[in-house]
N, C-alpha and C. Protein backbone atom coordinates (compact mmCIF):
# COMPACT_ATOMS: atom_id res chain seq x y z
N MET A 1 1.12 -1.23 -0.14
CA MET A 1 -0.24 0.32 -0.04
C MET A 1 1.26 1.01 -0.19
N GLU A 2 0.70 1.92 -0.69
CA GLU A 2 1.44 3.59 -1.35
C GLU A 2 0.70 4.54 0.07
N ILE A 3 2.05 5.10 0.76
CA ILE A 3 1.84 6.17 1.63
C ILE A 3 1.42 7.35 0.98
N ILE A 4 0.64 7.98 1.49
CA ILE A 4 0.54 9.49 0.52
C ILE A 4 0.71 10.52 1.79
N LEU A 5 1.39 11.04 1.12
CA LEU A 5 1.75 12.38 2.05
C LEU A 5 1.27 13.89 1.81
N SER A 6 0.62 14.05 2.66
CA SER A 6 0.51 16.26 2.67
C SER A 6 1.26 16.96 1.78
N ALA A 7 1.13 17.69 1.11
CA ALA A 7 1.60 18.70 0.29
C ALA A 7 3.02 19.10 1.47
N GLU A 8 2.44 19.73 2.34
CA GLU A 8 3.47 19.88 4.35
C GLU A 8 4.19 19.55 4.54
N SER A 9 3.65 17.32 4.16
CA SER A 9 4.73 16.92 4.49
C SER A 9 6.04 16.28 3.90
N ASN A 10 5.21 16.14 2.25
CA ASN A 10 6.55 16.21 1.44
C ASN A 10 7.68 17.93 1.26
N LYS A 11 6.67 19.01 1.51
CA LYS A 11 8.07 19.63 2.12
C LYS A 11 8.99 19.76 3.20
N ALA A 12 8.35 19.36 4.29
CA ALA A 12 9.04 18.93 5.20
C ALA A 12 10.53 17.95 5.39
N LEU A 13 9.66 16.49 4.68
CA LEU A 13 10.66 15.80 4.25
C LEU A 13 11.67 16.05 3.01
N VAL A 14 11.72 17.10 1.97
CA VAL A 14 12.30 18.07 1.74
C VAL A 14 13.41 18.44 2.18
N ARG A 15 12.96 18.95 3.26
CA ARG A 15 13.70 20.18 3.82
C ARG A 15 14.45 19.19 5.10
N ARG A 16 14.30 18.32 5.34
CA ARG A 16 15.00 17.50 5.96
C ARG A 16 15.86 16.81 4.70
N PHE A 17 15.41 16.42 3.87
CA PHE A 17 16.77 16.06 3.18
C PHE A 17 17.71 17.00 2.75
N MET A 18 17.53 18.24 2.40
CA MET A 18 18.56 19.71 2.48
C MET A 18 19.12 19.56 3.43
N ASP A 19 18.29 19.59 4.83
CA ASP A 19 19.24 19.94 5.51
C ASP A 19 20.40 18.53 5.67
N ALA A 20 19.89 17.82 6.00
CA ALA A 20 21.36 15.75 6.26
C ALA A 20 22.16 16.15 4.77
N TYR A 21 22.09 16.94 3.66
CA TYR A 21 23.06 17.32 2.31
C TYR A 21 24.01 18.47 2.91
N ASN A 22 23.27 19.44 3.38
CA ASN A 22 23.82 20.51 3.98
C ASN A 22 25.05 19.98 5.03
N HIS A 23 24.96 19.16 5.72
CA HIS A 23 25.35 18.90 7.14
C HIS A 23 25.97 17.58 6.68
N ARG A 24 26.08 17.25 5.66
CA ARG A 24 26.64 15.87 4.84
C ARG A 24 26.43 14.53 5.73
N GLU A 25 25.34 14.57 5.98
CA GLU A 25 24.60 13.50 7.44
C GLU A 25 24.11 12.26 6.53
N MET A 26 24.53 11.73 5.13
CA MET A 26 24.55 10.81 4.28
C MET A 26 23.97 9.52 4.98
N GLU A 27 24.23 9.41 6.34
CA GLU A 27 23.51 7.87 6.50
C GLU A 27 21.83 8.64 6.46
N VAL A 28 21.53 9.38 6.76
CA VAL A 28 19.82 10.08 6.98
C VAL A 28 19.70 9.58 5.48
N PHE A 29 19.98 9.93 4.44
CA PHE A 29 19.43 9.60 3.19
C PHE A 29 19.40 8.21 3.35
N GLU A 30 19.55 6.97 4.12
CA GLU A 30 18.66 5.58 4.16
C GLU A 30 17.13 6.23 4.90
N GLU A 31 16.90 6.93 5.23
CA GLU A 31 15.36 6.66 5.74
C GLU A 31 14.62 7.96 4.39
N LEU A 32 15.20 8.72 3.79
CA LEU A 32 14.56 9.63 3.08
C LEU A 32 14.71 9.20 1.63
N VAL A 33 15.51 8.38 1.00
CA VAL A 33 15.63 8.59 -0.43
C VAL A 33 15.34 7.19 -0.43
N ALA A 34 14.40 7.00 -1.54
CA ALA A 34 14.17 5.82 -1.76
C ALA A 34 15.70 4.23 -2.49
N GLU A 35 15.40 3.42 -2.22
CA GLU A 35 16.63 2.80 -2.57
C GLU A 35 16.86 2.90 -4.15
N ASP A 36 15.64 2.87 -5.05
CA ASP A 36 15.93 2.71 -6.62
C ASP A 36 15.45 4.31 -7.08
N TYR A 37 15.47 5.20 -6.30
CA TYR A 37 15.95 6.34 -6.01
C TYR A 37 16.14 6.39 -8.07
N ILE A 38 15.45 7.07 -9.03
CA ILE A 38 15.63 7.85 -9.95
C ILE A 38 15.86 9.20 -10.57
N ASP A 39 17.00 9.40 -10.63
CA ASP A 39 17.92 10.54 -11.24
C ASP A 39 18.13 10.87 -12.51
N HIS A 40 16.80 11.93 -12.89
CA HIS A 40 16.40 11.83 -15.02
C HIS A 40 17.86 13.27 -15.29
N VAL A 41 18.46 13.78 -14.04
CA VAL A 41 19.45 14.34 -14.75
C VAL A 41 20.98 13.67 -15.57
N PHE A 42 21.46 12.93 -14.31
CA PHE A 42 22.69 12.34 -14.53
C PHE A 42 22.27 10.74 -15.00
N GLU A 43 20.85 10.31 -15.35
CA GLU A 43 20.63 9.39 -15.60
C GLU A 43 21.27 8.04 -15.33
N GLN A 44 20.90 7.80 -13.80
CA GLN A 44 21.49 7.10 -13.14
C GLN A 44 20.49 6.14 -12.24
N THR A 45 20.74 5.29 -11.45
CA THR A 45 19.38 4.95 -10.93
C THR A 45 20.10 4.16 -9.40
N GLY A 46 19.22 4.93 -8.10
CA GLY A 46 19.81 3.98 -6.94
C GLY A 46 20.24 5.20 -6.09
N ARG A 47 20.02 4.33 -4.50
CA ARG A 47 20.23 6.36 -3.34
C ARG A 47 22.04 5.71 -3.59
N ASP A 48 22.77 4.79 -3.62
CA ASP A 48 24.10 4.86 -3.08
C ASP A 48 25.00 5.90 -4.32
N ALA A 49 23.76 5.68 -6.08
CA ALA A 49 24.39 6.05 -6.79
C ALA A 49 24.82 7.71 -6.82
N LEU A 50 23.51 8.35 -5.78
CA LEU A 50 23.06 9.64 -5.54
C LEU A 50 23.87 10.47 -4.86
N LYS A 51 24.11 8.84 -3.88
CA LYS A 51 25.52 9.68 -2.67
C LYS A 51 26.33 9.25 -3.21
N SER A 52 26.74 9.11 -3.91
CA SER A 52 28.37 8.77 -4.59
C SER A 52 28.27 10.11 -4.85
N LEU A 53 27.67 10.72 -5.82
CA LEU A 53 27.71 11.64 -6.66
C LEU A 53 27.75 13.21 -6.14
N PHE A 54 26.74 13.35 -4.70
CA PHE A 54 27.27 14.36 -3.46
C PHE A 54 28.43 14.03 -3.04
N THR A 55 29.14 12.57 -2.85
CA THR A 55 30.36 12.59 -2.27
C THR A 55 30.73 13.12 -3.05
N MET A 56 31.07 12.99 -4.61
CA MET A 56 32.62 13.49 -4.93
C MET A 56 32.32 14.85 -5.33
N ALA A 57 31.16 15.30 -5.54
CA ALA A 57 31.02 17.08 -5.42
C ALA A 57 31.35 17.75 -3.84
N PHE A 58 31.51 17.34 -2.93
CA PHE A 58 31.74 17.36 -1.82
C PHE A 58 33.46 17.70 -1.86
N GLU A 59 34.00 16.63 -2.97
CA GLU A 59 35.23 16.53 -2.65
C GLU A 59 36.10 17.73 -3.49
N GLY A 60 35.33 18.53 -4.16
CA GLY A 60 36.03 19.39 -4.92
C GLY A 60 35.38 20.75 -4.43
N PHE A 61 34.37 20.49 -3.62
CA PHE A 61 33.83 22.11 -3.27
C PHE A 61 32.92 21.72 -1.48
N PRO A 62 34.15 21.76 -0.70
CA PRO A 62 33.97 21.26 1.12
C PRO A 62 32.94 21.73 1.33
N ASP A 63 32.95 23.09 1.27
CA ASP A 63 31.71 24.41 1.76
C ASP A 63 30.82 24.37 0.88
N TRP A 64 30.36 23.33 0.20
CA TRP A 64 29.03 23.65 -0.66
C TRP A 64 28.54 24.24 0.31
N TYR A 65 27.00 25.00 -0.04
CA TYR A 65 25.52 24.69 0.48
C TYR A 65 24.50 25.17 -0.31
N GLU A 66 23.57 24.45 -0.10
CA GLU A 66 22.38 24.99 -0.86
C GLU A 66 21.25 25.79 0.24
N ALA A 67 20.96 26.60 -0.56
CA ALA A 67 19.68 27.71 0.56
C ALA A 67 19.06 27.55 -0.17
N ILE A 68 17.41 26.77 0.55
CA ILE A 68 16.35 27.08 0.18
C ILE A 68 15.68 28.48 -0.16
N GLU A 69 15.56 28.79 -1.54
CA GLU A 69 15.02 30.49 -1.53
C GLU A 69 13.39 29.92 -1.69
N ASP A 70 12.87 29.06 -2.15
CA ASP A 70 11.41 28.81 -2.63
C ASP A 70 11.46 27.18 -2.82
N ILE A 71 10.28 26.97 -1.84
CA ILE A 71 9.56 25.78 -2.05
C ILE A 71 7.98 25.65 -2.51
N ILE A 72 7.85 24.89 -2.95
CA ILE A 72 6.06 24.77 -3.63
C ILE A 72 5.88 23.02 -3.73
N ALA A 73 4.59 22.44 -3.36
CA ALA A 73 4.57 21.48 -3.21
C ALA A 73 2.60 21.41 -3.73
N GLU A 74 2.60 20.17 -4.61
CA GLU A 74 1.85 20.00 -5.11
C GLU A 74 1.22 18.07 -5.75
N ASP A 75 0.48 17.78 -4.96
CA ASP A 75 0.01 16.13 -4.87
C ASP A 75 1.60 15.48 -4.65
N ASP A 76 1.88 14.79 -5.35
CA ASP A 76 3.38 13.91 -4.98
C ASP A 76 4.44 14.86 -5.60
N ARG A 77 4.98 16.30 -5.55
CA ARG A 77 5.97 16.53 -6.83
C ARG A 77 6.38 17.56 -4.99
N VAL A 78 7.72 18.43 -5.43
CA VAL A 78 7.79 19.25 -4.63
C VAL A 78 8.71 19.54 -5.53
N TRP A 79 8.35 21.26 -5.63
CA TRP A 79 9.86 22.22 -6.29
C TRP A 79 10.41 23.08 -5.18
N LEU A 80 11.86 23.06 -5.46
CA LEU A 80 12.76 23.76 -4.59
C LEU A 80 13.42 24.51 -5.55
N ARG A 81 14.05 25.73 -5.35
CA ARG A 81 14.56 26.75 -6.09
C ARG A 81 15.68 26.56 -4.91
N VAL A 82 17.02 26.98 -4.84
CA VAL A 82 18.09 26.99 -4.56
C VAL A 82 18.98 28.03 -4.98
N ARG A 83 19.88 28.45 -4.12
CA ARG A 83 21.34 29.63 -3.98
C ARG A 83 21.96 28.70 -3.89
N ALA A 84 23.19 27.74 -4.19
CA ALA A 84 24.65 27.31 -4.08
C ALA A 84 25.00 27.98 -4.01
N THR A 85 26.14 27.87 -2.93
CA THR A 85 27.30 28.49 -2.86
C THR A 85 28.53 27.81 -2.55
N GLY A 86 29.69 28.10 -2.88
CA GLY A 86 30.68 27.21 -2.49
C GLY A 86 32.44 27.14 -2.83
N THR A 87 33.52 26.78 -2.41
CA THR A 87 34.47 27.34 -3.03
C THR A 87 35.32 25.73 -3.51
N HIS A 88 35.84 26.17 -4.90
CA HIS A 88 36.95 25.27 -5.02
C HIS A 88 38.02 24.38 -4.91
N THR A 89 37.95 24.01 -3.90
CA THR A 89 39.42 23.74 -3.12
C THR A 89 39.77 22.49 -3.13
N GLY A 90 39.63 21.41 -3.85
CA GLY A 90 39.53 20.14 -4.01
C GLY A 90 39.43 19.67 -5.70
N ASP A 91 40.11 18.53 -5.83
CA ASP A 91 39.93 18.10 -7.48
C ASP A 91 38.24 17.69 -7.55
N TRP A 92 38.20 18.30 -8.40
CA TRP A 92 36.76 18.10 -8.56
C TRP A 92 36.86 17.32 -10.09
N ASP A 93 35.62 16.19 -10.51
CA ASP A 93 35.55 15.29 -11.24
C ASP A 93 34.04 15.75 -12.33
N LEU A 94 34.82 16.60 -13.12
CA LEU A 94 33.33 17.21 -13.71
C LEU A 94 33.17 16.49 -14.91
N LEU A 95 32.28 15.23 -14.85
CA LEU A 95 31.95 14.22 -16.03
C LEU A 95 32.32 13.86 -16.66
N GLY A 96 33.93 13.14 -15.69
CA GLY A 96 35.00 12.56 -16.26
C GLY A 96 35.86 12.94 -16.64
N VAL A 97 36.52 14.44 -16.57
CA VAL A 97 37.03 15.25 -16.29
C VAL A 97 37.79 15.86 -14.96
N LYS A 98 39.28 15.85 -14.93
CA LYS A 98 39.34 16.23 -12.81
C LYS A 98 40.05 17.95 -13.62
N LEU A 99 39.13 18.27 -12.52
CA LEU A 99 39.65 19.25 -12.65
C LEU A 99 40.22 20.32 -11.03
N PRO A 100 41.28 20.27 -11.27
CA PRO A 100 42.06 20.62 -10.36
C PRO A 100 41.78 22.31 -9.72
N ALA A 101 41.87 22.17 -8.19
CA ALA A 101 41.52 23.11 -7.53
C ALA A 101 41.94 24.66 -7.74
N THR A 102 40.63 25.38 -7.83
CA THR A 102 40.80 26.36 -8.37
C THR A 102 41.18 27.94 -7.33
N GLY A 103 40.23 27.59 -6.24
CA GLY A 103 40.37 28.07 -4.77
C GLY A 103 39.35 29.53 -5.29
N LYS A 104 38.53 28.96 -6.55
CA LYS A 104 37.21 30.05 -6.76
C LYS A 104 36.11 29.89 -5.61
N SER A 105 35.34 31.21 -5.74
CA SER A 105 34.13 30.85 -4.94
C SER A 105 33.35 31.38 -6.10
N VAL A 106 31.96 29.83 -5.61
CA VAL A 106 31.14 30.06 -7.21
C VAL A 106 29.74 30.23 -6.24
N GLU A 107 28.83 30.19 -7.84
CA GLU A 107 27.28 30.43 -6.93
C GLU A 107 26.80 29.79 -8.47
N LEU A 108 25.32 29.59 -7.80
CA LEU A 108 25.07 28.55 -8.61
C LEU A 108 23.46 28.41 -8.22
N ASN A 109 22.31 28.86 -9.41
CA ASN A 109 21.09 29.30 -8.99
C ASN A 109 20.41 27.89 -9.77
N MET A 110 19.69 26.89 -8.93
CA MET A 110 19.29 26.10 -9.07
C MET A 110 17.55 25.21 -8.94
N VAL A 111 17.39 24.53 -9.43
CA VAL A 111 15.79 24.20 -9.69
C VAL A 111 15.49 23.14 -9.60
N PHE A 112 14.94 22.29 -8.67
CA PHE A 112 14.98 21.20 -8.40
C PHE A 112 13.68 20.15 -8.17
N ILE A 113 13.41 19.60 -9.22
CA ILE A 113 12.03 18.93 -8.62
C ILE A 113 11.67 17.17 -8.30
N TRP A 114 11.37 17.12 -7.24
CA TRP A 114 11.23 16.03 -6.84
C TRP A 114 9.60 14.90 -6.80
N ARG A 115 9.75 13.84 -6.77
CA ARG A 115 8.30 12.92 -6.52
C ARG A 115 8.89 12.37 -5.18
N ILE A 116 7.31 12.01 -4.35
CA ILE A 116 7.97 11.40 -3.36
C ILE A 116 6.51 10.68 -3.29
N ALA A 117 7.68 9.13 -3.30
CA ALA A 117 6.70 7.84 -3.39
C ALA A 117 7.08 7.25 -1.38
N ASP A 118 5.91 6.91 -1.08
CA ASP A 118 6.09 5.79 0.19
C ASP A 118 6.42 6.84 1.41
N GLY A 119 6.86 7.80 1.34
CA GLY A 119 7.33 9.06 2.76
C GLY A 119 8.61 9.23 2.05
N GLN A 120 9.39 8.70 1.40
CA GLN A 120 10.93 8.89 0.17
C GLN A 120 10.68 9.69 -0.98
N ILE A 121 11.96 10.24 -0.99
CA ILE A 121 12.18 11.02 -2.88
C ILE A 121 12.82 9.89 -3.30
N ALA A 122 11.54 9.46 -4.68
CA ALA A 122 11.59 8.56 -5.56
C ALA A 122 12.44 8.62 -6.95
N GLU A 123 12.19 10.07 -7.22
CA GLU A 123 12.40 10.51 -8.42
C GLU A 123 13.30 11.78 -8.38
N GLY A 124 13.99 12.46 -8.85
CA GLY A 124 14.26 13.79 -9.26
C GLY A 124 14.77 14.55 -10.31
N TRP A 125 14.31 15.37 -10.71
CA TRP A 125 14.64 16.04 -12.23
C TRP A 125 15.24 17.77 -11.31
N GLU A 126 16.53 18.53 -12.34
CA GLU A 126 17.48 19.73 -11.40
C GLU A 126 17.34 20.33 -13.08
N LEU A 127 17.22 21.56 -12.62
CA LEU A 127 17.26 22.48 -13.89
C LEU A 127 18.79 23.65 -13.00
N ASP A 128 20.07 23.83 -13.74
CA ASP A 128 21.01 24.55 -13.28
C ASP A 128 21.35 25.28 -14.43
N ASP A 129 21.51 26.97 -13.76
CA ASP A 129 21.90 27.91 -14.52
C ASP A 129 23.50 27.74 -14.31
N ASN A 130 24.18 27.15 -15.22
CA ASN A 130 25.85 26.35 -15.10
C ASN A 130 26.42 27.48 -15.87
N MET A 131 26.04 28.42 -16.91
CA MET A 131 27.02 28.95 -17.44
C MET A 131 27.62 29.87 -16.75
N PRO A 132 27.26 30.62 -15.89
CA PRO A 132 27.95 31.92 -14.59
C PRO A 132 28.90 31.09 -13.58
N PHE A 133 28.51 29.50 -13.25
CA PHE A 133 29.17 28.58 -12.40
C PHE A 133 30.41 28.33 -13.22
N LEU A 134 30.55 27.95 -14.45
CA LEU A 134 31.23 27.28 -14.93
C LEU A 134 32.51 28.28 -15.87
N GLN A 135 31.74 29.23 -15.78
CA GLN A 135 32.83 30.63 -16.14
C GLN A 135 33.55 30.86 -14.81
N ALA A 136 33.38 30.80 -14.04
CA ALA A 136 33.76 30.83 -12.25
C ALA A 136 35.34 30.55 -12.41
N LEU A 137 34.70 29.22 -12.84
CA LEU A 137 36.05 28.34 -13.05
C LEU A 137 37.10 27.88 -13.58
N GLY A 138 36.59 28.79 -14.48
CA GLY A 138 37.30 29.30 -15.63
C GLY A 138 37.23 27.73 -16.56
N VAL A 139 36.39 26.95 -16.92
CA VAL A 139 36.04 26.04 -17.47
C VAL A 139 35.61 26.66 -19.11
N VAL A 140 34.88 27.26 -19.25
CA VAL A 140 34.39 28.05 -20.06
C VAL A 140 34.54 29.17 -20.43
N ASP A 141 34.50 30.17 -21.78
CA ASP A 141 34.57 31.20 -21.66
C ASP A 141 33.65 31.79 -22.83
N TYR A 142 33.47 33.21 -22.77
CA TYR A 142 32.80 33.71 -24.24
C TYR A 142 33.72 33.76 -25.35
N THR A 143 33.46 33.46 -26.66
CA THR A 143 34.32 33.86 -27.64
C THR A 143 34.25 35.23 -27.88
N GLU A 144 34.71 35.96 -28.62
CA GLU A 144 35.23 37.08 -29.05
C GLU A 144 33.85 37.73 -29.22
N PHE A 145 33.16 37.30 -30.44
CA PHE A 145 31.71 37.81 -30.39
C PHE A 145 30.91 38.00 -29.79
N GLY A 146 30.83 36.73 -28.72
CA GLY A 146 29.81 36.95 -27.26
C GLY A 146 30.42 37.79 -26.35
N LYS A 147 31.63 37.96 -26.26
CA LYS A 147 32.47 39.02 -24.99
C LYS A 147 31.06 40.12 -24.21
N PRO A 148 30.57 40.92 -25.66
CA PRO A 148 30.24 41.82 -25.36
C PRO A 148 28.67 41.47 -24.63
N LEU A 149 28.24 40.45 -25.12
CA LEU A 149 26.97 39.93 -24.08
C LEU A 149 27.07 39.60 -23.04
N GLU A 150 28.40 39.36 -22.41
CA GLU A 150 28.82 38.65 -21.25
C GLU A 150 28.48 39.17 -19.57
N GLU A 151 28.45 40.16 -19.86
CA GLU A 151 27.07 41.19 -18.73
C GLU A 151 25.96 40.61 -18.63
N VAL A 152 25.21 40.89 -19.84
CA VAL A 152 24.07 40.66 -19.76
C VAL A 152 23.34 39.42 -19.57
N PHE A 153 24.24 38.56 -19.24
CA PHE A 153 23.29 37.45 -18.74
C PHE A 153 24.08 37.01 -17.55
N ARG A 154 25.01 37.49 -17.07
CA ARG A 154 25.38 36.81 -15.72
C ARG A 154 24.23 37.47 -14.79
């Protein structure tokens, strides 16, 4: 029998997840994230794969923090807008490419959508504003043609 939570309960679950994430309490994920969690961004399945992804990110950005700006829930979905900040002080595996520490501070605006099932986060989608983030790390740069537009899109 499927457990159906109220919108407020679903928001509370996601807040607990974000708190555990920000405090690196991965053991709490056993309770909050479904074992067969589906990640639609990185196209992977499983709670352990999600934990591994987070661990890898924390190696590159040990002070990474995601502050909740907005949270909305309806039915079995929770939408979350966060402002993430961190300092790139460790090597970071960026899609299979090791990026040596730059020491640069970065900010990233993100939107998450999570589906809640049986009292756990079962499925997730994410939309990030990656361009300013990657530019701050020196990974990408505007072409000469695009440089006049750089400030417009920051």
